[in-house]
Amino acid sequence: MKVVLSPVIAATRTGTDNMGNSMKSAAFLIESRLSEAAQGSSNAYFDLGMIYSSGSEGIDVDLIEAHKWFNLAALSGHDESKICRAEISLEMTAREIAEAQREARSWLQDNTRRVA
């Protein structure tokens, strides 16, 4: 399976971003994706899943966090995230998957309250 990254993630990985300092760029990317995720962006959810599943942007691989973001993206209609979620699930225990699902529900509850 070929995973297609969003232009922001792809630019950061290839070094074509204009931020210069990679740590500042990584922090900015994650902060901007979290901000967009709080607005319900399925692409932001997907990008965060990619970051946590691959350990990019100076972040350690965290399959629970990745599953959470892929799950949120899938719930928002992002088809590719369903494939990614299924793939990382193969490397996770049932408890880890349950934790990721709890975290996804918590994210939705917390952010639904803020918007409402």
N, C-alpha and C. Protein backbone atom coordinates (compact mmCIF):
# COMPACT_ATOMS: atom_id res chain seq x y z
N MET A 1 0.83 -1.18 0.00
CA MET A 1 0.00 0.00 0.00
C MET A 1 0.87 1.24 0.00
N LYS A 2 0.56 2.17 -0.84
CA LYS A 2 1.28 3.44 -0.89
C LYS A 2 0.48 4.47 -0.13
N VAL A 3 1.10 5.09 0.86
CA VAL A 3 0.44 6.12 1.65
C VAL A 3 0.80 7.48 1.07
N VAL A 4 -0.20 8.27 0.79
CA VAL A 4 0.01 9.61 0.25
C VAL A 4 -0.12 10.59 1.39
N LEU A 5 0.94 11.36 1.60
CA LEU A 5 0.95 12.33 2.68
C LEU A 5 0.38 13.66 2.21
N SER A 6 -0.13 14.40 3.16
CA SER A 6 -0.61 15.74 2.82
C SER A 6 0.59 16.57 2.39
N PRO A 7 0.37 17.64 1.64
CA PRO A 7 1.49 18.47 1.19
C PRO A 7 2.35 19.01 2.33
N VAL A 8 1.73 19.31 3.48
CA VAL A 8 2.50 19.85 4.61
C VAL A 8 3.45 18.79 5.16
N ILE A 9 2.96 17.56 5.36
CA ILE A 9 3.81 16.48 5.86
C ILE A 9 4.89 16.16 4.84
N ALA A 10 4.52 16.06 3.56
CA ALA A 10 5.48 15.73 2.52
C ALA A 10 6.58 16.80 2.44
N ALA A 11 6.21 18.06 2.54
CA ALA A 11 7.20 19.13 2.47
C ALA A 11 8.16 19.06 3.64
N THR A 12 7.66 18.74 4.81
CA THR A 12 8.52 18.65 5.99
C THR A 12 9.48 17.48 5.85
N ARG A 13 9.00 16.35 5.36
CA ARG A 13 9.85 15.16 5.20
C ARG A 13 10.93 15.36 4.15
N THR A 14 10.65 16.12 3.10
CA THR A 14 11.62 16.29 2.04
C THR A 14 12.51 17.51 2.27
N GLY A 15 12.25 18.23 3.33
CA GLY A 15 13.08 19.38 3.64
C GLY A 15 12.76 20.61 2.81
N THR A 16 11.60 20.64 2.18
CA THR A 16 11.24 21.78 1.36
C THR A 16 10.42 22.81 2.11
N ASP A 17 10.24 22.61 3.42
CA ASP A 17 9.50 23.60 4.18
C ASP A 17 10.38 24.84 4.35
N ASN A 18 9.76 25.98 4.59
CA ASN A 18 10.49 27.23 4.66
C ASN A 18 10.79 27.68 6.08
N MET A 19 10.53 26.83 7.06
CA MET A 19 10.73 27.23 8.44
C MET A 19 12.21 27.28 8.82
N GLY A 20 13.05 26.54 8.12
CA GLY A 20 14.47 26.57 8.42
C GLY A 20 14.82 25.63 9.55
N ASN A 21 14.54 25.99 10.74
CA ASN A 21 14.87 25.18 11.90
C ASN A 21 13.90 24.01 12.00
N SER A 22 14.44 22.80 11.92
CA SER A 22 13.56 21.62 11.86
C SER A 22 12.75 21.43 13.14
N MET A 23 13.31 21.78 14.30
CA MET A 23 12.55 21.62 15.54
C MET A 23 11.40 22.61 15.59
N LYS A 24 11.63 23.85 15.19
CA LYS A 24 10.56 24.84 15.16
C LYS A 24 9.51 24.43 14.14
N SER A 25 9.97 23.92 13.02
CA SER A 25 9.06 23.49 11.97
C SER A 25 8.19 22.33 12.45
N ALA A 26 8.81 21.37 13.13
CA ALA A 26 8.05 20.22 13.65
C ALA A 26 7.04 20.66 14.69
N ALA A 27 7.45 21.53 15.60
CA ALA A 27 6.54 22.01 16.64
C ALA A 27 5.38 22.79 16.00
N PHE A 28 5.71 23.64 15.03
CA PHE A 28 4.67 24.40 14.33
C PHE A 28 3.69 23.47 13.62
N LEU A 29 4.23 22.46 12.94
CA LEU A 29 3.39 21.52 12.20
C LEU A 29 2.42 20.81 13.14
N ILE A 30 2.93 20.31 14.24
CA ILE A 30 2.08 19.58 15.18
C ILE A 30 1.05 20.51 15.80
N GLU A 31 1.49 21.70 16.21
CA GLU A 31 0.54 22.67 16.79
C GLU A 31 -0.55 23.04 15.79
N SER A 32 -0.16 23.25 14.54
CA SER A 32 -1.16 23.64 13.54
C SER A 32 -2.11 22.49 13.26
N ARG A 33 -1.60 21.27 13.25
CA ARG A 33 -2.47 20.11 13.02
C ARG A 33 -3.42 19.91 14.20
N LEU A 34 -2.93 20.12 15.43
CA LEU A 34 -3.81 20.00 16.59
C LEU A 34 -4.90 21.06 16.55
N SER A 35 -4.54 22.27 16.13
CA SER A 35 -5.53 23.34 16.02
C SER A 35 -6.57 23.00 14.97
N GLU A 36 -6.13 22.48 13.83
CA GLU A 36 -7.07 22.09 12.78
C GLU A 36 -7.91 20.90 13.21
N ALA A 37 -7.30 19.98 13.96
CA ALA A 37 -8.04 18.82 14.46
C ALA A 37 -9.16 19.27 15.40
N ALA A 38 -8.88 20.28 16.21
CA ALA A 38 -9.90 20.79 17.13
C ALA A 38 -11.09 21.37 16.36
N GLN A 39 -10.87 21.74 15.10
CA GLN A 39 -11.95 22.24 14.25
C GLN A 39 -12.61 21.12 13.46
N GLY A 40 -12.13 19.87 13.64
CA GLY A 40 -12.75 18.73 12.98
C GLY A 40 -12.16 18.35 11.64
N SER A 41 -10.95 18.79 11.33
CA SER A 41 -10.33 18.50 10.04
C SER A 41 -9.89 17.04 9.94
N SER A 42 -10.49 16.30 9.01
CA SER A 42 -10.11 14.90 8.84
C SER A 42 -8.68 14.78 8.33
N ASN A 43 -8.22 15.74 7.52
CA ASN A 43 -6.83 15.71 7.06
C ASN A 43 -5.84 15.93 8.21
N ALA A 44 -6.20 16.79 9.13
CA ALA A 44 -5.35 17.02 10.30
C ALA A 44 -5.30 15.77 11.16
N TYR A 45 -6.45 15.13 11.36
CA TYR A 45 -6.47 13.86 12.11
C TYR A 45 -5.54 12.85 11.44
N PHE A 46 -5.66 12.73 10.12
CA PHE A 46 -4.84 11.78 9.38
C PHE A 46 -3.35 12.11 9.51
N ASP A 47 -3.01 13.38 9.33
CA ASP A 47 -1.59 13.78 9.45
C ASP A 47 -1.04 13.45 10.83
N LEU A 48 -1.82 13.69 11.87
CA LEU A 48 -1.37 13.36 13.22
C LEU A 48 -1.19 11.85 13.38
N GLY A 49 -2.09 11.07 12.80
CA GLY A 49 -1.93 9.62 12.81
C GLY A 49 -0.64 9.20 12.13
N MET A 50 -0.32 9.84 11.00
CA MET A 50 0.92 9.52 10.28
C MET A 50 2.15 9.88 11.12
N ILE A 51 2.10 11.02 11.76
CA ILE A 51 3.23 11.45 12.59
C ILE A 51 3.48 10.45 13.70
N TYR A 52 2.43 10.08 14.43
CA TYR A 52 2.60 9.16 15.56
C TYR A 52 2.86 7.73 15.13
N SER A 53 2.39 7.31 13.97
CA SER A 53 2.65 5.93 13.53
C SER A 53 4.03 5.76 12.94
N SER A 54 4.61 6.84 12.44
CA SER A 54 5.92 6.73 11.80
C SER A 54 7.06 7.29 12.64
N GLY A 55 6.72 8.03 13.68
CA GLY A 55 7.75 8.63 14.51
C GLY A 55 8.42 9.81 13.84
N SER A 56 7.72 10.46 12.93
CA SER A 56 8.30 11.62 12.26
C SER A 56 8.15 12.87 13.11
N GLU A 57 8.76 13.92 12.66
CA GLU A 57 8.69 15.24 13.31
C GLU A 57 9.24 15.23 14.74
N GLY A 58 10.19 14.33 15.02
CA GLY A 58 10.80 14.28 16.34
C GLY A 58 9.93 13.65 17.41
N ILE A 59 8.84 13.04 17.00
CA ILE A 59 7.91 12.40 17.92
C ILE A 59 8.20 10.90 17.94
N ASP A 60 8.20 10.31 19.14
CA ASP A 60 8.37 8.86 19.24
C ASP A 60 7.14 8.16 18.67
N VAL A 61 7.36 6.98 18.09
CA VAL A 61 6.24 6.17 17.61
C VAL A 61 5.33 5.87 18.80
N ASP A 62 4.04 6.10 18.62
CA ASP A 62 3.04 5.84 19.64
C ASP A 62 1.80 5.31 18.92
N LEU A 63 1.67 3.99 18.89
CA LEU A 63 0.58 3.38 18.13
C LEU A 63 -0.79 3.67 18.71
N ILE A 64 -0.86 3.84 20.03
CA ILE A 64 -2.14 4.18 20.65
C ILE A 64 -2.59 5.56 20.16
N GLU A 65 -1.68 6.50 20.20
CA GLU A 65 -1.99 7.87 19.74
C GLU A 65 -2.29 7.86 18.24
N ALA A 66 -1.52 7.11 17.47
CA ALA A 66 -1.75 7.03 16.03
C ALA A 66 -3.12 6.44 15.74
N HIS A 67 -3.47 5.37 16.42
CA HIS A 67 -4.77 4.73 16.23
C HIS A 67 -5.90 5.71 16.54
N LYS A 68 -5.72 6.47 17.63
CA LYS A 68 -6.73 7.47 18.00
C LYS A 68 -6.96 8.44 16.85
N TRP A 69 -5.89 8.99 16.28
CA TRP A 69 -6.03 9.98 15.22
C TRP A 69 -6.58 9.35 13.94
N PHE A 70 -6.11 8.15 13.60
CA PHE A 70 -6.65 7.47 12.42
C PHE A 70 -8.14 7.16 12.62
N ASN A 71 -8.52 6.80 13.83
CA ASN A 71 -9.91 6.51 14.12
C ASN A 71 -10.77 7.77 13.95
N LEU A 72 -10.30 8.89 14.46
CA LEU A 72 -11.03 10.15 14.31
C LEU A 72 -11.14 10.54 12.84
N ALA A 73 -10.07 10.33 12.09
CA ALA A 73 -10.11 10.64 10.65
C ALA A 73 -11.11 9.73 9.94
N ALA A 74 -11.10 8.45 10.29
CA ALA A 74 -12.03 7.50 9.67
C ALA A 74 -13.47 7.88 9.98
N LEU A 75 -13.73 8.27 11.21
CA LEU A 75 -15.08 8.70 11.59
C LEU A 75 -15.52 9.95 10.84
N SER A 76 -14.53 10.73 10.38
CA SER A 76 -14.83 11.95 9.63
C SER A 76 -14.88 11.70 8.13
N GLY A 77 -14.77 10.43 7.73
CA GLY A 77 -14.90 10.09 6.32
C GLY A 77 -13.61 9.98 5.53
N HIS A 78 -12.46 9.99 6.19
CA HIS A 78 -11.16 9.90 5.51
C HIS A 78 -10.87 8.43 5.24
N ASP A 79 -11.02 8.01 3.99
CA ASP A 79 -10.91 6.59 3.63
C ASP A 79 -9.53 5.98 3.88
N GLU A 80 -8.47 6.70 3.54
CA GLU A 80 -7.12 6.16 3.68
C GLU A 80 -6.78 5.87 5.15
N SER A 81 -7.36 6.65 6.04
CA SER A 81 -7.09 6.44 7.47
C SER A 81 -7.63 5.09 7.95
N LYS A 82 -8.69 4.61 7.32
CA LYS A 82 -9.23 3.30 7.69
C LYS A 82 -8.22 2.20 7.43
N ILE A 83 -7.51 2.31 6.32
CA ILE A 83 -6.48 1.33 5.97
C ILE A 83 -5.31 1.42 6.94
N CYS A 84 -4.87 2.63 7.23
CA CYS A 84 -3.76 2.83 8.16
C CYS A 84 -4.11 2.32 9.56
N ARG A 85 -5.32 2.61 10.00
CA ARG A 85 -5.77 2.15 11.32
C ARG A 85 -5.76 0.63 11.38
N ALA A 86 -6.24 -0.01 10.33
CA ALA A 86 -6.26 -1.48 10.30
C ALA A 86 -4.85 -2.04 10.32
N GLU A 87 -3.94 -1.41 9.61
CA GLU A 87 -2.55 -1.90 9.57
C GLU A 87 -1.87 -1.80 10.92
N ILE A 88 -2.02 -0.67 11.60
CA ILE A 88 -1.34 -0.56 12.89
C ILE A 88 -2.03 -1.40 13.95
N SER A 89 -3.31 -1.67 13.76
CA SER A 89 -4.03 -2.53 14.72
C SER A 89 -3.42 -3.93 14.79
N LEU A 90 -2.82 -4.36 13.69
CA LEU A 90 -2.19 -5.68 13.66
C LEU A 90 -0.99 -5.76 14.61
N GLU A 91 -0.43 -4.60 14.95
CA GLU A 91 0.74 -4.54 15.82
C GLU A 91 0.36 -4.17 17.27
N MET A 92 -0.93 -4.08 17.54
CA MET A 92 -1.40 -3.64 18.85
C MET A 92 -2.15 -4.75 19.57
N THR A 93 -2.14 -4.67 20.90
CA THR A 93 -2.93 -5.60 21.70
C THR A 93 -4.36 -5.09 21.78
N ALA A 94 -5.27 -5.94 22.21
CA ALA A 94 -6.66 -5.53 22.37
C ALA A 94 -6.78 -4.40 23.39
N ARG A 95 -5.96 -4.45 24.44
CA ARG A 95 -5.98 -3.37 25.44
C ARG A 95 -5.52 -2.05 24.87
N GLU A 96 -4.49 -2.09 24.02
CA GLU A 96 -4.01 -0.86 23.40
C GLU A 96 -5.07 -0.26 22.47
N ILE A 97 -5.74 -1.11 21.71
CA ILE A 97 -6.80 -0.64 20.83
C ILE A 97 -7.93 -0.03 21.64
N ALA A 98 -8.30 -0.69 22.74
CA ALA A 98 -9.37 -0.17 23.60
C ALA A 98 -8.97 1.19 24.17
N GLU A 99 -7.72 1.34 24.57
CA GLU A 99 -7.23 2.62 25.09
C GLU A 99 -7.31 3.70 24.02
N ALA A 100 -6.90 3.37 22.81
CA ALA A 100 -6.95 4.33 21.70
C ALA A 100 -8.39 4.75 21.43
N GLN A 101 -9.31 3.82 21.49
CA GLN A 101 -10.72 4.13 21.28
C GLN A 101 -11.26 5.03 22.38
N ARG A 102 -10.85 4.76 23.63
CA ARG A 102 -11.27 5.63 24.74
C ARG A 102 -10.74 7.05 24.53
N GLU A 103 -9.48 7.15 24.11
CA GLU A 103 -8.89 8.46 23.89
C GLU A 103 -9.58 9.20 22.75
N ALA A 104 -9.98 8.48 21.71
CA ALA A 104 -10.70 9.11 20.60
C ALA A 104 -12.06 9.63 21.07
N ARG A 105 -12.76 8.82 21.87
CA ARG A 105 -14.06 9.27 22.40
C ARG A 105 -13.88 10.50 23.29
N SER A 106 -12.85 10.47 24.11
CA SER A 106 -12.57 11.61 25.00
C SER A 106 -12.28 12.87 24.19
N TRP A 107 -11.47 12.73 23.14
CA TRP A 107 -11.16 13.87 22.27
C TRP A 107 -12.45 14.45 21.69
N LEU A 108 -13.32 13.58 21.19
CA LEU A 108 -14.57 14.04 20.61
C LEU A 108 -15.44 14.76 21.65
N GLN A 109 -15.55 14.18 22.84
CA GLN A 109 -16.36 14.80 23.89
C GLN A 109 -15.80 16.16 24.29
N ASP A 110 -14.49 16.23 24.50
CA ASP A 110 -13.87 17.48 24.91
C ASP A 110 -14.01 18.57 23.85
N ASN A 111 -13.83 18.20 22.60
CA ASN A 111 -13.87 19.20 21.53
C ASN A 111 -15.27 19.53 21.07
N THR A 112 -16.22 18.64 21.28
CA THR A 112 -17.61 18.93 20.97
C THR A 112 -18.15 19.95 21.95
N ARG A 113 -17.74 19.83 23.21
CA ARG A 113 -18.17 20.79 24.23
C ARG A 113 -17.65 22.19 23.95
N ARG A 114 -16.39 22.29 23.47
CA ARG A 114 -15.80 23.59 23.18
C ARG A 114 -16.52 24.29 22.05
N VAL A 115 -16.91 23.51 21.04
CA VAL A 115 -17.58 24.09 19.87
C VAL A 115 -19.00 24.49 20.21
N ALA A 116 -19.66 23.70 21.05
CA ALA A 116 -21.08 23.93 21.38
C ALA A 116 -21.30 25.13 22.25
